Amino acid sequence: MQQHERQIMCGRLIMCPTPLGNLDDMMPRAIEALRQADTVCAEDTRVTGRLLAAFDISAHLERLDEAMISERAPRIIERIKAGETIAFCSDAGMPGVSDPGQRLITAARDSDVPVDVLPGPTAVATAYVASGFVCPRFYFGGFFPRKDHERKTVLVNLEQLDAVLLFYESPRRLLASLAVIAEQMPHRRVAVCRELTKMHEEVVVDSAETVLDIFRRRDQEGTIRGEIVMVIDAPGKDEQCEQMDQQRNAARDTVAQLLAEGTMSKKDIVAYIRKEYGLSRNDAYEMVHHA
């Protein structure tokens, strides 16, 4: 009986997606959820306040941004347990994707609090489709790192992944990021998707070097503006073959070094290069025993 009463008393957390830029993309379920919520928590109350006003929604607004959410999440969860229905909005798109909403969801799940995630606009899927890249797999890496060496490390770690790569980026850092992509992945096609769904939407698709040149000229003509998703095509067959050859050559060098050192048995070397270079057991065995 006590558990049943507790379930009745409990409210819920509702993750409400909002338009990327075009108000016509606001989902009816999200509008209704915002109208019914006791409180609407938002990354930026000014941004969400304008959205609510556009749909004539009167709601109690509370700011809940990156700096606040860790401290305030436990209290939010307690309010939901007491029966309050709280909606959360990011500035645009699906909350919980590279924004503080994910920590709120985690806190709710950890406390066994009901969570409703409403479907709606998301820049990741929109940019993936807009790029026109045909690989059926994609990897979303959140915001691209700020420092060059971190950018290079990310690309090196992902260059063999047979998938389209997507990252959010700031207009201020776009040129530096495109330069690293052109250096590390010169054979790839890249799409820069800017201001998706908005009046000045732009999707620029070409080789990594050409896209870099386009935005270098753009930067010289004026400031690059808007929300940006960078999309890097999956490796082509030629690049995959080249990567495979490089990997096998590196594995052969490692085998020669380990055999020369004499500190590992051939069986252990086979196991090591299988794990280190992703070789099949037969390939690794042949490489070690025919070195």
C-alpha atoms as a PDB file:
ATOM      1  CA  MET A   1       0.000   0.000   0.000  1.00  0.00           C
ATOM      2  CA  GLN A   2       2.811   2.395   0.854  1.00  0.00           C
ATOM      3  CA  GLN A   3       4.567   1.630  -2.460  1.00  0.00           C
ATOM      4  CA  HIS A   4       1.311   2.242  -4.387  1.00  0.00           C
ATOM      5  CA  GLU A   5       0.843   5.594  -2.657  1.00  0.00           C
ATOM      6  CA  ARG A   6       4.429   6.530  -3.425  1.00  0.00           C
ATOM      7  CA  GLN A   7       3.865   5.805  -7.144  1.00  0.00           C
ATOM      8  CA  ILE A   8       0.720   7.963  -7.155  1.00  0.00           C
ATOM      9  CA  MET A   9       2.553  10.819  -5.446  1.00  0.00           C
ATOM     10  CA  CYS A  10       5.523  10.687  -7.837  1.00  0.00           C
ATOM     11  CA  GLY A  11       5.582  13.152 -10.712  1.00  0.00           C
ATOM     12  CA  ARG A  12       7.826  12.735 -13.724  1.00  0.00           C
ATOM     13  CA  LEU A  13      10.702  14.217 -15.681  1.00  0.00           C
ATOM     14  CA  ILE A  14       9.889  15.084 -19.296  1.00  0.00           C
ATOM     15  CA  MET A  15      12.668  15.719 -21.809  1.00  0.00           C
ATOM     16  CA  CYS A  16      11.168  18.120 -24.371  1.00  0.00           C
ATOM     17  CA  PRO A  17      12.915  18.584 -27.721  1.00  0.00           C
ATOM     18  CA  THR A  18      12.664  22.042 -29.236  1.00  0.00           C
ATOM     19  CA  PRO A  19      13.161  23.278 -32.822  1.00  0.00           C
ATOM     20  CA  LEU A  20      16.675  23.689 -34.185  1.00  0.00           C
ATOM     21  CA  GLY A  21      15.564  27.041 -35.537  1.00  0.00           C
ATOM     22  CA  ASN A  22      12.258  26.686 -37.375  1.00  0.00           C
ATOM     23  CA  LEU A  23       9.284  27.020 -35.009  1.00  0.00           C
ATOM     24  CA  ASP A  24       7.134  24.941 -37.365  1.00  0.00           C
ATOM     25  CA  ASP A  25       9.146  21.913 -36.215  1.00  0.00           C
ATOM     26  CA  MET A  26       7.777  22.116 -32.663  1.00  0.00           C
ATOM     27  CA  MET A  27       6.013  18.838 -31.883  1.00  0.00           C
ATOM     28  CA  PRO A  28       2.424  18.914 -30.548  1.00  0.00           C
ATOM     29  CA  ARG A  29       3.342  16.490 -27.739  1.00  0.00           C
ATOM     30  CA  ALA A  30       6.148  18.788 -26.625  1.00  0.00           C
ATOM     31  CA  ILE A  31       3.811  21.803 -26.643  1.00  0.00           C
ATOM     32  CA  GLU A  32       1.282  19.940 -24.513  1.00  0.00           C
ATOM     33  CA  ALA A  33       3.964  18.689 -22.115  1.00  0.00           C
ATOM     34  CA  LEU A  34       5.266  22.224 -21.578  1.00  0.00           C
ATOM     35  CA  ARG A  35       1.733  23.461 -20.933  1.00  0.00           C
ATOM     36  CA  GLN A  36       1.067  20.731 -18.369  1.00  0.00           C
ATOM     37  CA  ALA A  37       4.419  20.875 -16.558  1.00  0.00           C
ATOM     38  CA  ASP A  38       4.559  22.405 -13.086  1.00  0.00           C
ATOM     39  CA  THR A  39       8.044  23.723 -13.858  1.00  0.00           C
ATOM     40  CA  VAL A  40      10.107  24.070 -17.026  1.00  0.00           C
ATOM     41  CA  CYS A  41      13.846  23.842 -16.449  1.00  0.00           C
ATOM     42  CA  ALA A  42      16.024  25.234 -19.225  1.00  0.00           C
ATOM     43  CA  GLU A  43      19.648  25.752 -20.193  1.00  0.00           C
ATOM     44  CA  ASP A  44      18.827  29.392 -20.874  1.00  0.00           C
ATOM     45  CA  THR A  45      15.519  30.816 -19.627  1.00  0.00           C
ATOM     46  CA  ARG A  46      15.727  33.665 -22.150  1.00  0.00           C
ATOM     47  CA  VAL A  47      15.858  31.258 -25.101  1.00  0.00           C
ATOM     48  CA  THR A  48      13.158  28.958 -23.729  1.00  0.00           C
ATOM     49  CA  GLY A  49      11.101  31.939 -22.572  1.00  0.00           C
ATOM     50  CA  ARG A  50      10.873  33.203 -26.159  1.00  0.00           C
ATOM     51  CA  LEU A  51       9.836  29.730 -27.299  1.00  0.00           C
ATOM     52  CA  LEU A  52       7.085  29.500 -24.685  1.00  0.00           C
ATOM     53  CA  ALA A  53       5.830  32.969 -25.603  1.00  0.00           C
ATOM     54  CA  ALA A  54       5.646  31.967 -29.276  1.00  0.00           C
ATOM     55  CA  PHE A  55       3.205  29.190 -28.364  1.00  0.00           C
ATOM     56  CA  ASP A  56       1.379  31.186 -25.707  1.00  0.00           C
ATOM     57  CA  ILE A  57       2.544  28.883 -22.915  1.00  0.00           C
ATOM     58  CA  SER A  58       2.568  30.193 -19.355  1.00  0.00           C
ATOM     59  CA  ALA A  59       4.996  28.177 -17.260  1.00  0.00           C
ATOM     60  CA  HIS A  60       7.243  28.619 -14.257  1.00  0.00           C
ATOM     61  CA  LEU A  61      10.777  28.776 -15.681  1.00  0.00           C
ATOM     62  CA  GLU A  62      13.973  27.821 -13.847  1.00  0.00           C
ATOM     63  CA  ARG A  63      17.494  28.027 -15.200  1.00  0.00           C
ATOM     64  CA  LEU A  64      19.350  24.714 -15.093  1.00  0.00           C
ATOM     65  CA  ASP A  65      22.567  25.005 -17.057  1.00  0.00           C
ATOM     66  CA  GLU A  66      25.900  23.162 -17.072  1.00  0.00           C
ATOM     67  CA  ALA A  67      27.189  25.019 -14.010  1.00  0.00           C
ATOM     68  CA  MET A  68      24.067  24.375 -11.931  1.00  0.00           C
ATOM     69  CA  ILE A  69      22.844  20.908 -12.794  1.00  0.00           C
ATOM     70  CA  SER A  70      25.191  18.792 -10.648  1.00  0.00           C
ATOM     71  CA  GLU A  71      24.321  20.804  -7.555  1.00  0.00           C
ATOM     72  CA  ARG A  72      20.582  21.122  -8.218  1.00  0.00           C
ATOM     73  CA  ALA A  73      19.763  17.700  -9.690  1.00  0.00           C
ATOM     74  CA  PRO A  74      19.190  15.984  -6.299  1.00  0.00           C
ATOM     75  CA  ARG A  75      16.677  18.667  -5.298  1.00  0.00           C
ATOM     76  CA  ILE A  76      14.923  18.407  -8.688  1.00  0.00           C
ATOM     77  CA  ILE A  77      14.574  14.650  -8.173  1.00  0.00           C
ATOM     78  CA  GLU A  78      13.129  15.151  -4.688  1.00  0.00           C
ATOM     79  CA  ARG A  79      10.537  17.563  -6.112  1.00  0.00           C
ATOM     80  CA  ILE A  80       9.537  14.981  -8.733  1.00  0.00           C
ATOM     81  CA  LYS A  81       9.210  12.319  -6.038  1.00  0.00           C
ATOM     82  CA  ALA A  82       6.914  14.688  -4.164  1.00  0.00           C
ATOM     83  CA  GLY A  83       4.594  14.824  -7.184  1.00  0.00           C
ATOM     84  CA  GLU A  84       5.922  17.653  -9.357  1.00  0.00           C
ATOM     85  CA  THR A  85       6.106  17.247 -13.140  1.00  0.00           C
ATOM     86  CA  ILE A  86       9.237  18.914 -14.469  1.00  0.00           C
ATOM     87  CA  ALA A  87      10.062  19.451 -18.135  1.00  0.00           C
ATOM     88  CA  PHE A  88      13.609  20.080 -19.320  1.00  0.00           C
ATOM     89  CA  CYS A  89      14.564  21.960 -22.521  1.00  0.00           C
ATOM     90  CA  SER A  90      17.954  22.578 -24.045  1.00  0.00           C
ATOM     91  CA  ASP A  91      18.487  25.675 -26.154  1.00  0.00           C
ATOM     92  CA  ALA A  92      17.635  23.749 -29.332  1.00  0.00           C
ATOM     93  CA  GLY A  93      17.087  20.179 -30.437  1.00  0.00           C
ATOM     94  CA  MET A  94      17.027  17.011 -28.354  1.00  0.00           C
ATOM     95  CA  PRO A  95      17.931  17.573 -24.681  1.00  0.00           C
ATOM     96  CA  GLY A  96      20.471  15.144 -23.322  1.00  0.00           C
ATOM     97  CA  VAL A  97      22.616  15.154 -26.491  1.00  0.00           C
ATOM     98  CA  SER A  98      25.859  16.940 -25.558  1.00  0.00           C
ATOM     99  CA  ASP A  99      24.118  19.101 -22.991  1.00  0.00           C
ATOM    100  CA  PRO A 100      23.513  18.977 -19.210  1.00  0.00           C
ATOM    101  CA  GLY A 101      20.180  17.197 -19.603  1.00  0.00           C
ATOM    102  CA  GLN A 102      21.927  13.830 -19.690  1.00  0.00           C
ATOM    103  CA  ARG A 103      23.024  14.204 -16.059  1.00  0.00           C
ATOM    104  CA  LEU A 104      19.454  14.986 -15.060  1.00  0.00           C
ATOM    105  CA  ILE A 105      18.238  11.809 -16.779  1.00  0.00           C
ATOM    106  CA  THR A 106      20.962   9.781 -15.049  1.00  0.00           C
ATOM    107  CA  ALA A 107      19.952  11.173 -11.658  1.00  0.00           C
ATOM    108  CA  ALA A 108      16.301  10.332 -12.379  1.00  0.00           C
ATOM    109  CA  ARG A 109      17.098   6.772 -13.478  1.00  0.00           C
ATOM    110  CA  ASP A 110      19.317   6.235 -10.431  1.00  0.00           C
ATOM    111  CA  SER A 111      16.420   7.319  -8.202  1.00  0.00           C
ATOM    112  CA  ASP A 112      13.810   5.245 -10.061  1.00  0.00           C
ATOM    113  CA  VAL A 113      11.939   8.393 -11.097  1.00  0.00           C
ATOM    114  CA  PRO A 114       9.755   8.190 -14.247  1.00  0.00           C
ATOM    115  CA  VAL A 115      11.305   9.772 -17.332  1.00  0.00           C
ATOM    116  CA  ASP A 116       9.500  10.579 -20.585  1.00  0.00           C
ATOM    117  CA  VAL A 117      11.723  11.361 -23.580  1.00  0.00           C
ATOM    118  CA  LEU A 118       9.684  12.939 -26.348  1.00  0.00           C
ATOM    119  CA  PRO A 119      10.841  12.518 -29.968  1.00  0.00           C
ATOM    120  CA  GLY A 120      11.747  15.578 -31.954  1.00  0.00           C
ATOM    121  CA  PRO A 121      14.382  17.558 -33.845  1.00  0.00           C
ATOM    122  CA  THR A 122      18.043  16.646 -33.492  1.00  0.00           C
ATOM    123  CA  ALA A 123      20.932  18.258 -35.339  1.00  0.00           C
ATOM    124  CA  VAL A 124      22.948  15.022 -35.443  1.00  0.00           C
ATOM    125  CA  ALA A 125      20.502  12.978 -37.528  1.00  0.00           C
ATOM    126  CA  THR A 126      19.571  16.012 -39.640  1.00  0.00           C
ATOM    127  CA  ALA A 127      23.209  16.696 -40.541  1.00  0.00           C
ATOM    128  CA  TYR A 128      23.927  13.007 -41.227  1.00  0.00           C
ATOM    129  CA  VAL A 129      21.097  12.860 -43.760  1.00  0.00           C
ATOM    130  CA  ALA A 130      21.885  16.304 -45.224  1.00  0.00           C
ATOM    131  CA  SER A 131      25.514  15.292 -45.938  1.00  0.00           C
ATOM    132  CA  GLY A 132      24.387  12.720 -48.473  1.00  0.00           C
ATOM    133  CA  PHE A 133      27.058  10.274 -47.310  1.00  0.00           C
ATOM    134  CA  VAL A 134      25.860   6.738 -47.968  1.00  0.00           C
ATOM    135  CA  CYS A 135      27.550   4.707 -45.214  1.00  0.00           C
ATOM    136  CA  PRO A 136      24.694   3.290 -43.071  1.00  0.00           C
ATOM    137  CA  ARG A 137      26.657   3.705 -39.833  1.00  0.00           C
ATOM    138  CA  PHE A 138      27.542   6.928 -38.068  1.00  0.00           C
ATOM    139  CA  TYR A 139      29.473   7.927 -34.955  1.00  0.00           C
ATOM    140  CA  PHE A 140      28.619  11.055 -33.010  1.00  0.00           C
ATOM    141  CA  GLY A 141      31.526  12.454 -31.014  1.00  0.00           C
ATOM    142  CA  GLY A 142      29.821  15.409 -29.325  1.00  0.00           C
ATOM    143  CA  PHE A 143      31.756  18.678 -29.453  1.00  0.00           C
ATOM    144  CA  PHE A 144      35.076  18.464 -31.309  1.00  0.00           C
ATOM    145  CA  PRO A 145      38.053  19.015 -28.951  1.00  0.00           C
ATOM    146  CA  ARG A 146      39.395  22.552 -28.570  1.00  0.00           C
ATOM    147  CA  LYS A 147      43.128  21.771 -28.782  1.00  0.00           C
ATOM    148  CA  ASP A 148      44.920  20.635 -31.940  1.00  0.00           C
ATOM    149  CA  HIS A 149      46.685  17.668 -30.352  1.00  0.00           C
ATOM    150  CA  GLU A 150      43.393  16.441 -28.890  1.00  0.00           C
ATOM    151  CA  ARG A 151      41.688  16.829 -32.283  1.00  0.00           C
ATOM    152  CA  LYS A 152      44.447  14.785 -33.935  1.00  0.00           C
ATOM    153  CA  THR A 153      44.205  12.084 -31.288  1.00  0.00           C
ATOM    154  CA  VAL A 154      40.442  11.771 -31.819  1.00  0.00           C
ATOM    155  CA  LEU A 155      40.832  11.483 -35.593  1.00  0.00           C
ATOM    156  CA  VAL A 156      43.685   8.962 -35.364  1.00  0.00           C
ATOM    157  CA  ASN A 157      41.590   6.809 -33.024  1.00  0.00           C
ATOM    158  CA  LEU A 158      38.589   6.950 -35.370  1.00  0.00           C
ATOM    159  CA  GLU A 159      40.230   6.847 -38.808  1.00  0.00           C
ATOM    160  CA  GLN A 160      39.746   3.088 -39.225  1.00  0.00           C
ATOM    161  CA  LEU A 161      36.113   3.161 -38.109  1.00  0.00           C
ATOM    162  CA  ASP A 162      33.837   2.256 -41.018  1.00  0.00           C
ATOM    163  CA  ALA A 163      31.312   4.964 -40.226  1.00  0.00           C
ATOM    164  CA  VAL A 164      30.442   8.593 -40.898  1.00  0.00           C
ATOM    165  CA  LEU A 165      31.830  10.842 -38.138  1.00  0.00           C
ATOM    166  CA  LEU A 166      29.835  13.774 -36.763  1.00  0.00           C
ATOM    167  CA  PHE A 167      30.909  16.530 -34.373  1.00  0.00           C
ATOM    168  CA  TYR A 168      29.442  19.782 -33.121  1.00  0.00           C
ATOM    169  CA  GLU A 169      31.701  22.787 -33.604  1.00  0.00           C
ATOM    170  CA  SER A 170      31.797  26.482 -32.778  1.00  0.00           C
ATOM    171  CA  PRO A 171      32.079  28.992 -35.660  1.00  0.00           C
ATOM    172  CA  ARG A 172      35.155  30.461 -33.938  1.00  0.00           C
ATOM    173  CA  ARG A 173      37.014  27.136 -34.056  1.00  0.00           C
ATOM    174  CA  LEU A 174      35.751  25.828 -37.406  1.00  0.00           C
ATOM    175  CA  LEU A 175      38.820  26.767 -39.463  1.00  0.00           C
ATOM    176  CA  ALA A 176      41.259  25.203 -37.001  1.00  0.00           C
ATOM    177  CA  SER A 177      39.208  22.012 -36.898  1.00  0.00           C
ATOM    178  CA  LEU A 178      38.875  21.772 -40.671  1.00  0.00           C
ATOM    179  CA  ALA A 179      42.644  22.261 -40.986  1.00  0.00           C
ATOM    180  CA  VAL A 180      43.293  19.271 -38.713  1.00  0.00           C
ATOM    181  CA  ILE A 181      40.761  17.146 -40.612  1.00  0.00           C
ATOM    182  CA  ALA A 182      42.358  18.071 -43.956  1.00  0.00           C
ATOM    183  CA  GLU A 183      45.782  17.144 -42.557  1.00  0.00           C
ATOM    184  CA  GLN A 184      44.764  13.850 -40.948  1.00  0.00           C
ATOM    185  CA  MET A 185      42.130  12.710 -43.449  1.00  0.00           C
ATOM    186  CA  PRO A 186      43.029  14.358 -46.773  1.00  0.00           C
ATOM    187  CA  HIS A 187      41.134  11.782 -48.860  1.00  0.00           C
ATOM    188  CA  ARG A 188      37.829  12.171 -47.020  1.00  0.00           C
ATOM    189  CA  ARG A 189      34.813  14.193 -48.034  1.00  0.00           C
ATOM    190  CA  VAL A 190      33.533  16.611 -45.424  1.00  0.00           C
ATOM    191  CA  ALA A 191      30.200  18.362 -44.945  1.00  0.00           C
ATOM    192  CA  VAL A 192      29.790  21.526 -42.908  1.00  0.00           C
ATOM    193  CA  CYS A 193      26.124  21.848 -41.964  1.00  0.00           C
ATOM    194  CA  ARG A 194      25.376  25.336 -40.700  1.00  0.00           C
ATOM    195  CA  GLU A 195      22.165  26.842 -39.325  1.00  0.00           C
ATOM    196  CA  LEU A 196      20.113  23.716 -40.036  1.00  0.00           C
ATOM    197  CA  THR A 197      16.357  24.332 -40.560  1.00  0.00           C
ATOM    198  CA  LYS A 198      16.875  28.115 -40.331  1.00  0.00           C
ATOM    199  CA  MET A 199      16.472  30.776 -43.000  1.00  0.00           C
ATOM    200  CA  HIS A 200      20.194  30.807 -43.823  1.00  0.00           C
ATOM    201  CA  GLU A 201      20.709  27.036 -43.740  1.00  0.00           C
ATOM    202  CA  GLU A 202      23.830  25.926 -45.589  1.00  0.00           C
ATOM    203  CA  VAL A 203      25.343  22.523 -46.332  1.00  0.00           C
ATOM    204  CA  VAL A 204      28.808  22.607 -47.928  1.00  0.00           C
ATOM    205  CA  VAL A 205      30.075  19.207 -49.145  1.00  0.00           C
ATOM    206  CA  ASP A 206      33.419  18.545 -50.834  1.00  0.00           C
ATOM    207  CA  SER A 207      36.908  17.206 -50.174  1.00  0.00           C
ATOM    208  CA  ALA A 208      38.392  18.128 -46.806  1.00  0.00           C
ATOM    209  CA  GLU A 209      40.896  20.541 -48.388  1.00  0.00           C
ATOM    210  CA  THR A 210      38.284  22.215 -50.610  1.00  0.00           C
ATOM    211  CA  VAL A 211      35.876  22.739 -47.711  1.00  0.00           C
ATOM    212  CA  LEU A 212      38.728  24.251 -45.692  1.00  0.00           C
ATOM    213  CA  ASP A 213      39.528  26.641 -48.568  1.00  0.00           C
ATOM    214  CA  ILE A 214      35.857  27.651 -48.883  1.00  0.00           C
ATOM    215  CA  PHE A 215      35.619  28.620 -45.225  1.00  0.00           C
ATOM    216  CA  ARG A 216      39.016  30.314 -45.239  1.00  0.00           C
ATOM    217  CA  ARG A 217      37.679  32.644 -47.930  1.00  0.00           C
ATOM    218  CA  ARG A 218      34.437  33.023 -46.004  1.00  0.00           C
ATOM    219  CA  ASP A 219      36.381  33.994 -42.896  1.00  0.00           C
ATOM    220  CA  GLN A 220      38.337  36.628 -44.822  1.00  0.00           C
ATOM    221  CA  GLU A 221      35.096  38.094 -46.163  1.00  0.00           C
ATOM    222  CA  GLY A 222      33.405  38.207 -42.772  1.00  0.00           C
ATOM    223  CA  THR A 223      32.672  36.289 -39.579  1.00  0.00           C
ATOM    224  CA  ILE A 224      31.457  32.687 -39.813  1.00  0.00           C
ATOM    225  CA  ARG A 225      28.229  32.439 -37.845  1.00  0.00           C
ATOM    226  CA  GLY A 226      25.671  29.912 -36.712  1.00  0.00           C
ATOM    227  CA  GLU A 227      25.317  26.474 -35.165  1.00  0.00           C
ATOM    228  CA  ILE A 228      27.563  23.976 -36.968  1.00  0.00           C
ATOM    229  CA  VAL A 229      27.760  20.216 -37.370  1.00  0.00           C
ATOM    230  CA  MET A 230      30.862  18.832 -39.093  1.00  0.00           C
ATOM    231  CA  VAL A 231      30.347  15.541 -40.939  1.00  0.00           C
ATOM    232  CA  ILE A 232      33.291  13.401 -42.129  1.00  0.00           C
ATOM    233  CA  ASP A 233      32.572  10.656 -44.642  1.00  0.00           C
ATOM    234  CA  ALA A 234      33.483   7.036 -43.919  1.00  0.00           C
ATOM    235  CA  PRO A 235      36.765   5.766 -45.415  1.00  0.00           C
ATOM    236  CA  GLY A 236      36.590   4.671 -49.063  1.00  0.00           C
ATOM    237  CA  LYS A 237      37.846   1.293 -50.298  1.00  0.00           C
ATOM    238  CA  ASP A 238      41.243   2.684 -51.335  1.00  0.00           C
ATOM    239  CA  GLU A 239      41.781   4.250 -47.934  1.00  0.00           C
ATOM    240  CA  GLN A 240      40.664   1.072 -46.154  1.00  0.00           C
ATOM    241  CA  CYS A 241      43.159  -0.992 -48.190  1.00  0.00           C
ATOM    242  CA  GLU A 242      45.912   1.515 -47.432  1.00  0.00           C
ATOM    243  CA  GLN A 243      45.090   1.436 -43.729  1.00  0.00           C
ATOM    244  CA  MET A 244      45.092  -2.370 -43.749  1.00  0.00           C
ATOM    245  CA  ASP A 245      48.517  -2.440 -45.435  1.00  0.00           C
ATOM    246  CA  GLN A 246      49.907   0.047 -42.925  1.00  0.00           C
ATOM    247  CA  GLN A 247      48.482  -2.004 -40.055  1.00  0.00           C
ATOM    248  CA  ARG A 248      50.003  -5.249 -41.342  1.00  0.00           C
ATOM    249  CA  ASN A 249      53.385  -3.589 -41.928  1.00  0.00           C
ATOM    250  CA  ALA A 250      53.326  -2.236 -38.382  1.00  0.00           C
ATOM    251  CA  ALA A 251      52.422  -5.701 -37.083  1.00  0.00           C
ATOM    252  CA  ARG A 252      55.355  -7.268 -39.004  1.00  0.00           C
ATOM    253  CA  ASP A 253      57.745  -4.699 -37.540  1.00  0.00           C
ATOM    254  CA  THR A 254      56.474  -5.491 -34.047  1.00  0.00           C
ATOM    255  CA  VAL A 255      56.864  -9.231 -34.620  1.00  0.00           C
ATOM    256  CA  ALA A 256      60.451  -8.772 -35.818  1.00  0.00           C
ATOM    257  CA  GLN A 257      61.268  -6.620 -32.785  1.00  0.00           C
ATOM    258  CA  LEU A 258      59.727  -9.056 -30.274  1.00  0.00           C
ATOM    259  CA  LEU A 259      61.425 -12.070 -31.853  1.00  0.00           C
ATOM    260  CA  ALA A 260      64.756 -10.277 -31.769  1.00  0.00           C
ATOM    261  CA  GLU A 261      64.309  -9.384 -28.090  1.00  0.00           C
ATOM    262  CA  GLY A 262      63.525 -13.019 -27.268  1.00  0.00           C
ATOM    263  CA  THR A 263      61.536 -12.159 -24.149  1.00  0.00           C
ATOM    264  CA  MET A 264      58.192 -13.598 -25.381  1.00  0.00           C
ATOM    265  CA  SER A 265      57.235 -16.996 -26.725  1.00  0.00           C
ATOM    266  CA  LYS A 266      55.822 -17.220 -30.251  1.00  0.00           C
ATOM    267  CA  LYS A 267      52.452 -18.148 -28.748  1.00  0.00           C
ATOM    268  CA  ASP A 268      52.452 -14.966 -26.641  1.00  0.00           C
ATOM    269  CA  ILE A 269      53.533 -12.859 -29.609  1.00  0.00           C
ATOM    270  CA  VAL A 270      50.624 -14.239 -31.660  1.00  0.00           C
ATOM    271  CA  ALA A 271      48.196 -13.296 -28.873  1.00  0.00           C
ATOM    272  CA  TYR A 272      49.789  -9.855 -28.504  1.00  0.00           C
ATOM    273  CA  ILE A 273      49.629  -8.828 -32.171  1.00  0.00           C
ATOM    274  CA  ARG A 274      46.093 -10.189 -32.521  1.00  0.00           C
ATOM    275  CA  LYS A 275      44.981  -7.887 -29.720  1.00  0.00           C
ATOM    276  CA  GLU A 276      47.167  -4.936 -30.735  1.00  0.00           C
ATOM    277  CA  TYR A 277      46.432  -4.947 -34.471  1.00  0.00           C
ATOM    278  CA  GLY A 278      43.086  -6.733 -34.747  1.00  0.00           C
ATOM    279  CA  LEU A 279      44.472  -9.587 -36.867  1.00  0.00           C
ATOM    280  CA  SER A 280      42.764 -12.922 -37.261  1.00  0.00           C
ATOM    281  CA  ARG A 281      44.338 -15.874 -35.464  1.00  0.00           C
ATOM    282  CA  ASN A 282      45.501 -17.450 -38.735  1.00  0.00           C
ATOM    283  CA  ASP A 283      47.059 -14.208 -40.021  1.00  0.00           C
ATOM    284  CA  ALA A 284      48.846 -13.591 -36.725  1.00  0.00           C
ATOM    285  CA  TYR A 285      50.089 -17.191 -36.554  1.00  0.00           C
ATOM    286  CA  GLU A 286      51.417 -17.070 -40.109  1.00  0.00           C
ATOM    287  CA  MET A 287      53.087 -13.701 -39.529  1.00  0.00           C
ATOM    288  CA  VAL A 288      54.930 -14.939 -36.418  1.00  0.00           C
ATOM    289  CA  HIS A 289      55.895 -18.422 -37.603  1.00  0.00           C
ATOM    290  CA  HIS A 290      57.045 -17.309 -41.059  1.00  0.00           C
ATOM    291  CA  ALA A 291      58.948 -14.246 -39.951  1.00  0.00           C
END
